[in-house]
Amino acid sequence: MMMPSSVTQYNGHIYGNFPSYYDFNPSGKRTELLRGVLVREVLATHEKSAFGYLDVGCNDGTLTYDISRLISSALPEGTEVVTTGVDIDPVLIERAIKQYPTREQITYEWKSGDILDGILSENGGESAYRPSPGTLSLISCFSTTMWLHLHHGDSGLTAFLREGCKWLKRGGLFLVEPQENVSYKKANRRLRQMKVVGEKDDKSDPNPTVHQFDLENLSLRSENSDVTHRIKEIILGEGFVEIKIDFERKDGDGDGDGDGDGDGDGDGDRKDTRTHWNRRLMLFRKN
């Protein structure tokens, strides 16, 4: 998908590029939950070489920056962490460039574009970023899989997951926080509530058609298919094993569903594999 010129117009409700995302989901909430398991797995599998980290759907780079610092602090002194953040929104990427320049042992590269351009195009397309196979140590994808799925369909989401698996070296980690089935319906509901008119719709019409995503043609996510489970199946099918993540989930923290809209419904104080905003975090290691 070529990046639309109007990608910044919809406050994140069509492309997921919420401009104030970390106001609803502070970066520290995720790093607090992930600190133990990430440090353990990085130290157990990383060899004495530069650590390549890719964050897909990085927003303004805040979480990308925090995770790269966490990783750098765990690695032996002098190990370079080469960090790349990719987001479809050029305004958010400009913000990341200004906020998070290269520092000490961490190199930052911020790229604006669609991660799937080069994957789906036969001739390579204008990919925002497409590394060589077996070169990355960590890929993270926080609350981005739904937006890839909505705009590229089953084939696009599957292609991204499989290609990402190839980019990782042996022992590399794939960290995914997928939106669940209900989030797709919420995305359409928000568009109706806000009366968002899509880029291709006639805005001069006094009663324009509200933009809606076509959910009927997404077989990975349906009444009989849990998209989170299907994502897990695809990654495991590429020769990965799942690393269990358990953490304390506390009532009242975060948005409740990770969509950046403040309408979530997280509840309960219990040990779980879900975040404070009622979203699964899944970690996989490449054999």
C-alpha atoms as a PDB file:
ATOM      1  CA  MET A   1       0.000   0.000   0.000  1.00  0.00           C
ATOM      2  CA  MET A   2       1.413   3.370  -0.993  1.00  0.00           C
ATOM      3  CA  MET A   3       1.334   5.729   1.959  1.00  0.00           C
ATOM      4  CA  PRO A   4      -1.691   8.035   1.526  1.00  0.00           C
ATOM      5  CA  SER A   5      -1.027  11.743   1.681  1.00  0.00           C
ATOM      6  CA  SER A   6      -3.884  12.101   4.163  1.00  0.00           C
ATOM      7  CA  VAL A   7      -2.578   9.520   6.647  1.00  0.00           C
ATOM      8  CA  THR A   8      -2.340  12.166   9.388  1.00  0.00           C
ATOM      9  CA  GLN A   9      -5.930  13.444   8.987  1.00  0.00           C
ATOM     10  CA  TYR A  10      -7.870  10.854  10.952  1.00  0.00           C
ATOM     11  CA  ASN A  11      -6.216  10.974  14.406  1.00  0.00           C
ATOM     12  CA  GLY A  12      -5.290   7.308  14.114  1.00  0.00           C
ATOM     13  CA  HIS A  13      -8.765   5.922  13.560  1.00  0.00           C
ATOM     14  CA  ILE A  14      -8.090   4.618  10.037  1.00  0.00           C
ATOM     15  CA  TYR A  15      -4.368   3.823  10.152  1.00  0.00           C
ATOM     16  CA  GLY A  16      -3.734   3.316  13.872  1.00  0.00           C
ATOM     17  CA  ASN A  17      -1.306   6.257  14.099  1.00  0.00           C
ATOM     18  CA  PHE A  18      -2.826   7.782  17.236  1.00  0.00           C
ATOM     19  CA  PRO A  19      -0.940  11.050  17.891  1.00  0.00           C
ATOM     20  CA  SER A  20      -1.345  10.839  21.692  1.00  0.00           C
ATOM     21  CA  TYR A  21      -1.096   7.066  22.032  1.00  0.00           C
ATOM     22  CA  TYR A  22       1.270   7.040  25.015  1.00  0.00           C
ATOM     23  CA  ASP A  23      -1.049   9.302  26.985  1.00  0.00           C
ATOM     24  CA  PHE A  24      -3.410   6.312  27.141  1.00  0.00           C
ATOM     25  CA  ASN A  25      -0.786   3.561  27.225  1.00  0.00           C
ATOM     26  CA  PRO A  26       2.396   4.833  28.898  1.00  0.00           C
ATOM     27  CA  SER A  27       5.542   3.157  27.634  1.00  0.00           C
ATOM     28  CA  GLY A  28       6.613   2.326  31.169  1.00  0.00           C
ATOM     29  CA  LYS A  29       3.640  -0.005  31.605  1.00  0.00           C
ATOM     30  CA  ARG A  30       5.002  -2.343  28.937  1.00  0.00           C
ATOM     31  CA  THR A  31       8.688  -2.120  29.875  1.00  0.00           C
ATOM     32  CA  GLU A  32       7.766  -2.852  33.492  1.00  0.00           C
ATOM     33  CA  LEU A  33       5.972  -6.031  32.416  1.00  0.00           C
ATOM     34  CA  LEU A  34       8.631  -7.125  29.918  1.00  0.00           C
ATOM     35  CA  ARG A  35      11.813  -6.260  31.794  1.00  0.00           C
ATOM     36  CA  GLY A  36      12.390  -9.660  33.398  1.00  0.00           C
ATOM     37  CA  VAL A  37      11.587 -11.903  30.441  1.00  0.00           C
ATOM     38  CA  LEU A  38      13.353  -9.746  27.838  1.00  0.00           C
ATOM     39  CA  VAL A  39      16.569  -9.444  29.853  1.00  0.00           C
ATOM     40  CA  ARG A  40      16.551 -13.186  30.546  1.00  0.00           C
ATOM     41  CA  GLU A  41      15.963 -14.204  26.939  1.00  0.00           C
ATOM     42  CA  VAL A  42      18.400 -11.659  25.465  1.00  0.00           C
ATOM     43  CA  LEU A  43      21.202 -12.768  27.774  1.00  0.00           C
ATOM     44  CA  ALA A  44      20.460 -16.448  27.114  1.00  0.00           C
ATOM     45  CA  THR A  45      20.509 -16.286  23.328  1.00  0.00           C
ATOM     46  CA  HIS A  46      22.430 -13.224  22.120  1.00  0.00           C
ATOM     47  CA  GLU A  47      25.919 -13.754  20.748  1.00  0.00           C
ATOM     48  CA  LYS A  48      28.789 -11.271  20.882  1.00  0.00           C
ATOM     49  CA  SER A  49      27.700  -9.051  17.997  1.00  0.00           C
ATOM     50  CA  ALA A  50      25.559  -5.978  17.355  1.00  0.00           C
ATOM     51  CA  PHE A  51      21.961  -6.374  18.477  1.00  0.00           C
ATOM     52  CA  GLY A  52      19.489  -5.530  15.711  1.00  0.00           C
ATOM     53  CA  TYR A  53      16.077  -4.371  16.892  1.00  0.00           C
ATOM     54  CA  LEU A  54      13.071  -3.500  14.687  1.00  0.00           C
ATOM     55  CA  ASP A  55       9.852  -1.970  16.041  1.00  0.00           C
ATOM     56  CA  VAL A  56       6.974  -2.078  13.543  1.00  0.00           C
ATOM     57  CA  GLY A  57       4.344   0.619  14.100  1.00  0.00           C
ATOM     58  CA  CYS A  58       6.641   2.609  16.376  1.00  0.00           C
ATOM     59  CA  ASN A  59       4.419   5.708  16.678  1.00  0.00           C
ATOM     60  CA  ASP A  60       6.632   8.553  17.990  1.00  0.00           C
ATOM     61  CA  GLY A  61       9.370   6.152  19.097  1.00  0.00           C
ATOM     62  CA  THR A  62       8.845   6.388  22.851  1.00  0.00           C
ATOM     63  CA  LEU A  63       8.401   2.671  23.523  1.00  0.00           C
ATOM     64  CA  THR A  64      11.044   1.785  20.928  1.00  0.00           C
ATOM     65  CA  TYR A  65      13.508   4.014  22.745  1.00  0.00           C
ATOM     66  CA  ASP A  66      12.680   2.562  26.158  1.00  0.00           C
ATOM     67  CA  ILE A  67      13.004  -1.054  25.021  1.00  0.00           C
ATOM     68  CA  SER A  68      16.307  -0.407  23.249  1.00  0.00           C
ATOM     69  CA  ARG A  69      17.667   1.182  26.438  1.00  0.00           C
ATOM     70  CA  LEU A  70      16.456  -1.805  28.456  1.00  0.00           C
ATOM     71  CA  ILE A  71      18.213  -4.190  26.085  1.00  0.00           C
ATOM     72  CA  SER A  72      21.397  -2.122  26.002  1.00  0.00           C
ATOM     73  CA  SER A  73      21.588  -2.070  29.799  1.00  0.00           C
ATOM     74  CA  ALA A  74      21.405  -5.882  29.875  1.00  0.00           C
ATOM     75  CA  LEU A  75      24.040  -6.582  27.208  1.00  0.00           C
ATOM     76  CA  PRO A  76      27.797  -6.623  27.836  1.00  0.00           C
ATOM     77  CA  GLU A  77      29.396  -3.194  27.847  1.00  0.00           C
ATOM     78  CA  GLY A  78      30.350  -2.064  24.364  1.00  0.00           C
ATOM     79  CA  THR A  79      27.641  -4.059  22.550  1.00  0.00           C
ATOM     80  CA  GLU A  80      25.959  -1.885  19.943  1.00  0.00           C
ATOM     81  CA  VAL A  81      22.170  -1.888  19.728  1.00  0.00           C
ATOM     82  CA  VAL A  82      21.055  -0.964  16.201  1.00  0.00           C
ATOM     83  CA  THR A  83      17.433   0.166  16.504  1.00  0.00           C
ATOM     84  CA  THR A  84      15.006   0.840  13.656  1.00  0.00           C
ATOM     85  CA  GLY A  85      11.504   2.196  14.158  1.00  0.00           C
ATOM     86  CA  VAL A  86       9.004   2.149  11.275  1.00  0.00           C
ATOM     87  CA  ASP A  87       5.644   3.917  11.180  1.00  0.00           C
ATOM     88  CA  ILE A  88       3.275   4.924   8.402  1.00  0.00           C
ATOM     89  CA  ASP A  89       2.892   8.442   9.807  1.00  0.00           C
ATOM     90  CA  PRO A  90       5.648  10.894   8.739  1.00  0.00           C
ATOM     91  CA  VAL A  91       4.670  13.387  11.448  1.00  0.00           C
ATOM     92  CA  LEU A  92       5.203  10.810  14.186  1.00  0.00           C
ATOM     93  CA  ILE A  93       8.525   9.798  12.635  1.00  0.00           C
ATOM     94  CA  GLU A  94       9.688  13.423  12.580  1.00  0.00           C
ATOM     95  CA  ARG A  95       8.822  13.598  16.248  1.00  0.00           C
ATOM     96  CA  ALA A  96      10.870  10.452  16.903  1.00  0.00           C
ATOM     97  CA  ILE A  97      13.873  11.853  15.021  1.00  0.00           C
ATOM     98  CA  LYS A  98      13.831  14.995  17.153  1.00  0.00           C
ATOM     99  CA  GLN A  99      13.208  13.237  20.462  1.00  0.00           C
ATOM    100  CA  TYR A 100      15.496  10.218  20.154  1.00  0.00           C
ATOM    101  CA  PRO A 101      18.803  10.755  18.350  1.00  0.00           C
ATOM    102  CA  THR A 102      21.617   8.229  18.422  1.00  0.00           C
ATOM    103  CA  ARG A 103      23.212   8.054  21.860  1.00  0.00           C
ATOM    104  CA  GLU A 104      26.100   6.134  23.423  1.00  0.00           C
ATOM    105  CA  GLN A 105      25.845   2.473  22.366  1.00  0.00           C
ATOM    106  CA  ILE A 106      22.417   2.762  20.709  1.00  0.00           C
ATOM    107  CA  THR A 107      21.979   3.725  17.062  1.00  0.00           C
ATOM    108  CA  TYR A 108      18.505   4.930  16.066  1.00  0.00           C
ATOM    109  CA  GLU A 109      17.061   4.999  12.568  1.00  0.00           C
ATOM    110  CA  TRP A 110      13.493   6.212  12.100  1.00  0.00           C
ATOM    111  CA  LYS A 111      11.670   5.397   8.858  1.00  0.00           C
ATOM    112  CA  SER A 112       8.276   6.519   7.578  1.00  0.00           C
ATOM    113  CA  GLY A 113       6.409   4.128   5.331  1.00  0.00           C
ATOM    114  CA  ASP A 114       4.426   0.910   5.071  1.00  0.00           C
ATOM    115  CA  ILE A 115       6.424  -2.116   6.192  1.00  0.00           C
ATOM    116  CA  LEU A 116       4.486  -4.264   3.702  1.00  0.00           C
ATOM    117  CA  ASP A 117       5.329  -2.285   0.562  1.00  0.00           C
ATOM    118  CA  GLY A 118       8.427  -4.336  -0.170  1.00  0.00           C
ATOM    119  CA  ILE A 119       6.974  -7.628   1.010  1.00  0.00           C
ATOM    120  CA  LEU A 120       3.859  -7.712  -1.159  1.00  0.00           C
ATOM    121  CA  SER A 121       5.272  -6.051  -4.276  1.00  0.00           C
ATOM    122  CA  GLU A 122       6.819  -8.403  -6.829  1.00  0.00           C
ATOM    123  CA  ASN A 123       9.648  -5.996  -7.581  1.00  0.00           C
ATOM    124  CA  GLY A 124      10.363  -5.002  -3.979  1.00  0.00           C
ATOM    125  CA  GLY A 125       8.281  -1.843  -3.973  1.00  0.00           C
ATOM    126  CA  GLU A 126       9.121   1.156  -1.819  1.00  0.00           C
ATOM    127  CA  SER A 127       9.524  -0.692   1.426  1.00  0.00           C
ATOM    128  CA  ALA A 128      10.132   1.473   4.458  1.00  0.00           C
ATOM    129  CA  TYR A 129      12.493  -1.196   5.727  1.00  0.00           C
ATOM    130  CA  ARG A 130      13.382  -4.696   4.584  1.00  0.00           C
ATOM    131  CA  PRO A 131      16.415  -6.243   6.265  1.00  0.00           C
ATOM    132  CA  SER A 132      18.328  -9.267   5.074  1.00  0.00           C
ATOM    133  CA  PRO A 133      17.277 -12.671   6.424  1.00  0.00           C
ATOM    134  CA  GLY A 134      18.844 -13.739   9.687  1.00  0.00           C
ATOM    135  CA  THR A 135      20.123 -10.320  10.731  1.00  0.00           C
ATOM    136  CA  LEU A 136      17.798  -9.142  13.532  1.00  0.00           C
ATOM    137  CA  SER A 137      17.794 -10.115  17.210  1.00  0.00           C
ATOM    138  CA  LEU A 138      14.373  -8.691  18.136  1.00  0.00           C
ATOM    139  CA  ILE A 139      11.219  -7.604  16.315  1.00  0.00           C
ATOM    140  CA  SER A 140       8.364  -6.003  18.233  1.00  0.00           C
ATOM    141  CA  CYS A 141       4.880  -5.257  16.954  1.00  0.00           C
ATOM    142  CA  PHE A 142       2.726  -3.520  19.562  1.00  0.00           C
ATOM    143  CA  SER A 143      -0.976  -3.093  18.720  1.00  0.00           C
ATOM    144  CA  THR A 144      -0.216  -2.950  14.990  1.00  0.00           C
ATOM    145  CA  THR A 145      -1.296  -6.330  13.584  1.00  0.00           C
ATOM    146  CA  MET A 146      -4.939  -5.258  13.239  1.00  0.00           C
ATOM    147  CA  TRP A 147      -4.043  -2.220  11.130  1.00  0.00           C
ATOM    148  CA  LEU A 148      -1.841  -4.316   8.838  1.00  0.00           C
ATOM    149  CA  HIS A 149      -4.679  -6.827   8.589  1.00  0.00           C
ATOM    150  CA  LEU A 150      -7.378  -4.232   7.853  1.00  0.00           C
ATOM    151  CA  HIS A 151      -5.399  -2.591   5.062  1.00  0.00           C
ATOM    152  CA  HIS A 152      -3.690  -5.648   3.544  1.00  0.00           C
ATOM    153  CA  GLY A 153      -6.047  -8.526   4.300  1.00  0.00           C
ATOM    154  CA  ASP A 154      -5.211 -12.066   5.364  1.00  0.00           C
ATOM    155  CA  SER A 155      -2.414 -12.376   2.829  1.00  0.00           C
ATOM    156  CA  GLY A 156      -0.745  -9.172   3.994  1.00  0.00           C
ATOM    157  CA  LEU A 157      -0.777 -10.011   7.695  1.00  0.00           C
ATOM    158  CA  THR A 158       0.438 -13.550   6.996  1.00  0.00           C
ATOM    159  CA  ALA A 159       3.198 -12.273   4.713  1.00  0.00           C
ATOM    160  CA  PHE A 160       4.416  -9.801   7.325  1.00  0.00           C
ATOM    161  CA  LEU A 161       4.573 -12.440  10.062  1.00  0.00           C
ATOM    162  CA  ARG A 162       6.383 -14.970   7.882  1.00  0.00           C
ATOM    163  CA  GLU A 163       8.801 -12.415   6.501  1.00  0.00           C
ATOM    164  CA  GLY A 164       9.526 -11.108   9.982  1.00  0.00           C
ATOM    165  CA  CYS A 165      10.356 -14.636  11.070  1.00  0.00           C
ATOM    166  CA  LYS A 166      12.918 -14.823   8.258  1.00  0.00           C
ATOM    167  CA  TRP A 167      14.539 -11.531   9.283  1.00  0.00           C
ATOM    168  CA  LEU A 168      15.358 -12.891  12.732  1.00  0.00           C
ATOM    169  CA  LYS A 169      18.575 -14.786  13.411  1.00  0.00           C
ATOM    170  CA  ARG A 170      18.624 -18.083  15.289  1.00  0.00           C
ATOM    171  CA  GLY A 171      17.690 -17.354  18.898  1.00  0.00           C
ATOM    172  CA  GLY A 172      16.029 -14.109  17.793  1.00  0.00           C
ATOM    173  CA  LEU A 173      12.845 -12.919  19.493  1.00  0.00           C
ATOM    174  CA  PHE A 174       9.482 -11.964  17.969  1.00  0.00           C
ATOM    175  CA  LEU A 175       7.358  -9.921  20.406  1.00  0.00           C
ATOM    176  CA  VAL A 176       3.737  -9.397  19.343  1.00  0.00           C
ATOM    177  CA  GLU A 177       0.875  -7.599  21.050  1.00  0.00           C
ATOM    178  CA  PRO A 178      -2.034  -8.360  18.694  1.00  0.00           C
ATOM    179  CA  GLN A 179      -5.436  -6.753  18.738  1.00  0.00           C
ATOM    180  CA  GLU A 180      -8.108  -9.374  19.356  1.00  0.00           C
ATOM    181  CA  ASN A 181     -11.318  -9.961  17.397  1.00  0.00           C
ATOM    182  CA  VAL A 182     -13.353  -7.452  19.398  1.00  0.00           C
ATOM    183  CA  SER A 183     -10.931  -4.624  18.576  1.00  0.00           C
ATOM    184  CA  TYR A 184     -11.852  -4.856  14.873  1.00  0.00           C
ATOM    185  CA  LYS A 185     -15.504  -4.176  15.701  1.00  0.00           C
ATOM    186  CA  LYS A 186     -14.477  -1.338  17.998  1.00  0.00           C
ATOM    187  CA  ALA A 187     -12.499   0.262  15.164  1.00  0.00           C
ATOM    188  CA  ASN A 188     -15.611   0.377  12.980  1.00  0.00           C
ATOM    189  CA  ARG A 189     -17.748   1.549  15.879  1.00  0.00           C
ATOM    190  CA  ARG A 190     -15.423   4.504  16.521  1.00  0.00           C
ATOM    191  CA  LEU A 191     -15.560   5.470  12.847  1.00  0.00           C
ATOM    192  CA  ARG A 192     -19.361   5.506  12.996  1.00  0.00           C
ATOM    193  CA  GLN A 193     -19.449   7.467  16.246  1.00  0.00           C
ATOM    194  CA  MET A 194     -17.019  10.061  14.905  1.00  0.00           C
ATOM    195  CA  LYS A 195     -18.580  10.019  11.400  1.00  0.00           C
ATOM    196  CA  VAL A 196     -15.174   9.621   9.788  1.00  0.00           C
ATOM    197  CA  VAL A 197     -15.310   9.855   6.001  1.00  0.00           C
ATOM    198  CA  GLY A 198     -12.625   7.864   4.212  1.00  0.00           C
ATOM    199  CA  GLU A 199     -10.065   9.246   1.787  1.00  0.00           C
ATOM    200  CA  LYS A 200     -11.877   7.902  -1.286  1.00  0.00           C
ATOM    201  CA  ASP A 201     -15.353   9.028  -0.203  1.00  0.00           C
ATOM    202  CA  ASP A 202     -17.083  12.169  -1.463  1.00  0.00           C
ATOM    203  CA  LYS A 203     -16.674  14.729   1.325  1.00  0.00           C
ATOM    204  CA  SER A 204     -18.779  17.274  -0.574  1.00  0.00           C
ATOM    205  CA  ASP A 205     -21.845  15.058  -0.145  1.00  0.00           C
ATOM    206  CA  PRO A 206     -24.060  16.553   2.613  1.00  0.00           C
ATOM    207  CA  ASN A 207     -24.571  12.991   3.871  1.00  0.00           C
ATOM    208  CA  PRO A 208     -21.266  11.275   3.087  1.00  0.00           C
ATOM    209  CA  THR A 209     -20.743   7.580   3.701  1.00  0.00           C
ATOM    210  CA  VAL A 210     -18.915   6.864   6.934  1.00  0.00           C
ATOM    211  CA  HIS A 211     -15.785   4.823   6.361  1.00  0.00           C
ATOM    212  CA  GLN A 212     -16.055   1.192   7.474  1.00  0.00           C
ATOM    213  CA  PHE A 213     -13.547  -1.633   7.257  1.00  0.00           C
ATOM    214  CA  ASP A 214     -14.718  -4.787   5.467  1.00  0.00           C
ATOM    215  CA  LEU A 215     -14.441  -7.429   8.172  1.00  0.00           C
ATOM    216  CA  GLU A 216     -16.360 -10.116   6.306  1.00  0.00           C
ATOM    217  CA  ASN A 217     -13.416 -10.955   4.049  1.00  0.00           C
ATOM    218  CA  LEU A 218     -10.901 -11.414   6.869  1.00  0.00           C
ATOM    219  CA  SER A 219     -10.890 -15.176   7.448  1.00  0.00           C
ATOM    220  CA  LEU A 220      -8.063 -15.044   9.998  1.00  0.00           C
ATOM    221  CA  ARG A 221     -10.478 -13.059  12.130  1.00  0.00           C
ATOM    222  CA  SER A 222     -14.070 -14.285  12.091  1.00  0.00           C
ATOM    223  CA  GLU A 223     -16.784 -15.621  14.351  1.00  0.00           C
ATOM    224  CA  ASN A 224     -15.095 -19.028  14.137  1.00  0.00           C
ATOM    225  CA  SER A 225     -11.469 -17.891  14.137  1.00  0.00           C
ATOM    226  CA  ASP A 226      -9.521 -16.158  16.918  1.00  0.00           C
ATOM    227  CA  VAL A 227      -7.016 -13.890  15.172  1.00  0.00           C
ATOM    228  CA  THR A 228      -4.640 -14.004  18.151  1.00  0.00           C
ATOM    229  CA  HIS A 229      -4.509 -17.796  17.946  1.00  0.00           C
ATOM    230  CA  ARG A 230      -3.995 -17.683  14.177  1.00  0.00           C
ATOM    231  CA  ILE A 231      -1.082 -15.260  14.564  1.00  0.00           C
ATOM    232  CA  LYS A 232       0.470 -17.632  17.090  1.00  0.00           C
ATOM    233  CA  GLU A 233      -0.009 -20.589  14.719  1.00  0.00           C
ATOM    234  CA  ILE A 234       1.712 -18.778  11.851  1.00  0.00           C
ATOM    235  CA  ILE A 235       4.781 -17.872  13.918  1.00  0.00           C
ATOM    236  CA  LEU A 236       5.085 -21.321  15.494  1.00  0.00           C
ATOM    237  CA  GLY A 237       4.824 -22.801  12.006  1.00  0.00           C
ATOM    238  CA  GLU A 238       7.986 -20.928  11.037  1.00  0.00           C
ATOM    239  CA  GLY A 239      10.098 -22.846  13.560  1.00  0.00           C
ATOM    240  CA  PHE A 240       9.602 -20.740  16.691  1.00  0.00           C
ATOM    241  CA  VAL A 241       8.760 -21.681  20.275  1.00  0.00           C
ATOM    242  CA  GLU A 242       6.603 -19.570  22.572  1.00  0.00           C
ATOM    243  CA  ILE A 243       8.116 -18.047  25.698  1.00  0.00           C
ATOM    244  CA  LYS A 244       5.494 -17.777  28.410  1.00  0.00           C
ATOM    245  CA  ILE A 245       4.992 -14.337  29.937  1.00  0.00           C
ATOM    246  CA  ASP A 246       3.232 -14.043  33.294  1.00  0.00           C
ATOM    247  CA  PHE A 247       2.687 -10.806  35.143  1.00  0.00           C
ATOM    248  CA  GLU A 248       0.447  -9.090  37.629  1.00  0.00           C
ATOM    249  CA  ARG A 249      -2.564  -7.381  36.058  1.00  0.00           C
ATOM    250  CA  LYS A 250      -3.976  -4.573  38.176  1.00  0.00           C
ATOM    251  CA  ASP A 251      -7.324  -2.866  37.990  1.00  0.00           C
ATOM    252  CA  GLY A 252      -7.596   0.639  36.581  1.00  0.00           C
ATOM    253  CA  ASP A 253      -4.277   0.874  34.721  1.00  0.00           C
ATOM    254  CA  GLY A 254      -4.164   1.949  31.110  1.00  0.00           C
ATOM    255  CA  ASP A 255      -6.848   2.266  28.459  1.00  0.00           C
ATOM    256  CA  GLY A 256      -8.228  -1.257  28.834  1.00  0.00           C
ATOM    257  CA  ASP A 257      -7.804  -2.461  25.252  1.00  0.00           C
ATOM    258  CA  GLY A 258      -4.656  -0.815  23.932  1.00  0.00           C
ATOM    259  CA  ASP A 259      -6.335   1.021  21.075  1.00  0.00           C
ATOM    260  CA  GLY A 260      -5.535   4.512  22.313  1.00  0.00           C
ATOM    261  CA  ASP A 261      -9.153   5.584  22.629  1.00  0.00           C
ATOM    262  CA  GLY A 262      -9.744   5.225  26.365  1.00  0.00           C
ATOM    263  CA  ASP A 263     -12.780   2.929  25.989  1.00  0.00           C
ATOM    264  CA  GLY A 264     -11.328  -0.298  27.324  1.00  0.00           C
ATOM    265  CA  ASP A 265     -12.686  -2.495  30.077  1.00  0.00           C
ATOM    266  CA  GLY A 266      -9.703  -4.060  31.870  1.00  0.00           C
ATOM    267  CA  ASP A 267     -10.571  -5.416  35.314  1.00  0.00           C
ATOM    268  CA  GLY A 268      -9.325  -7.574  38.143  1.00  0.00           C
ATOM    269  CA  ASP A 269      -6.143  -8.026  40.182  1.00  0.00           C
ATOM    270  CA  ARG A 270      -4.631 -11.364  39.198  1.00  0.00           C
ATOM    271  CA  LYS A 271      -1.618 -13.067  37.678  1.00  0.00           C
ATOM    272  CA  ASP A 272      -2.244 -13.414  33.975  1.00  0.00           C
ATOM    273  CA  THR A 273      -0.721 -13.307  30.505  1.00  0.00           C
ATOM    274  CA  ARG A 274      -2.624 -10.111  29.689  1.00  0.00           C
ATOM    275  CA  THR A 275      -1.545  -6.535  30.120  1.00  0.00           C
ATOM    276  CA  HIS A 276      -3.165  -3.916  32.344  1.00  0.00           C
ATOM    277  CA  TRP A 277      -5.208  -2.889  29.277  1.00  0.00           C
ATOM    278  CA  ASN A 278      -6.491  -6.444  28.698  1.00  0.00           C
ATOM    279  CA  ARG A 279      -4.240  -7.325  25.778  1.00  0.00           C
ATOM    280  CA  ARG A 280      -2.059 -10.404  25.301  1.00  0.00           C
ATOM    281  CA  LEU A 281       1.702 -10.048  24.930  1.00  0.00           C
ATOM    282  CA  MET A 282       3.223 -13.011  23.071  1.00  0.00           C
ATOM    283  CA  LEU A 283       6.945 -13.710  22.846  1.00  0.00           C
ATOM    284  CA  PHE A 284       8.498 -16.254  20.486  1.00  0.00           C
ATOM    285  CA  ARG A 285      12.079 -17.470  20.054  1.00  0.00           C
ATOM    286  CA  LYS A 286      13.517 -18.795  16.809  1.00  0.00           C
ATOM    287  CA  ASN A 287      15.073 -22.259  17.039  1.00  0.00           C
END
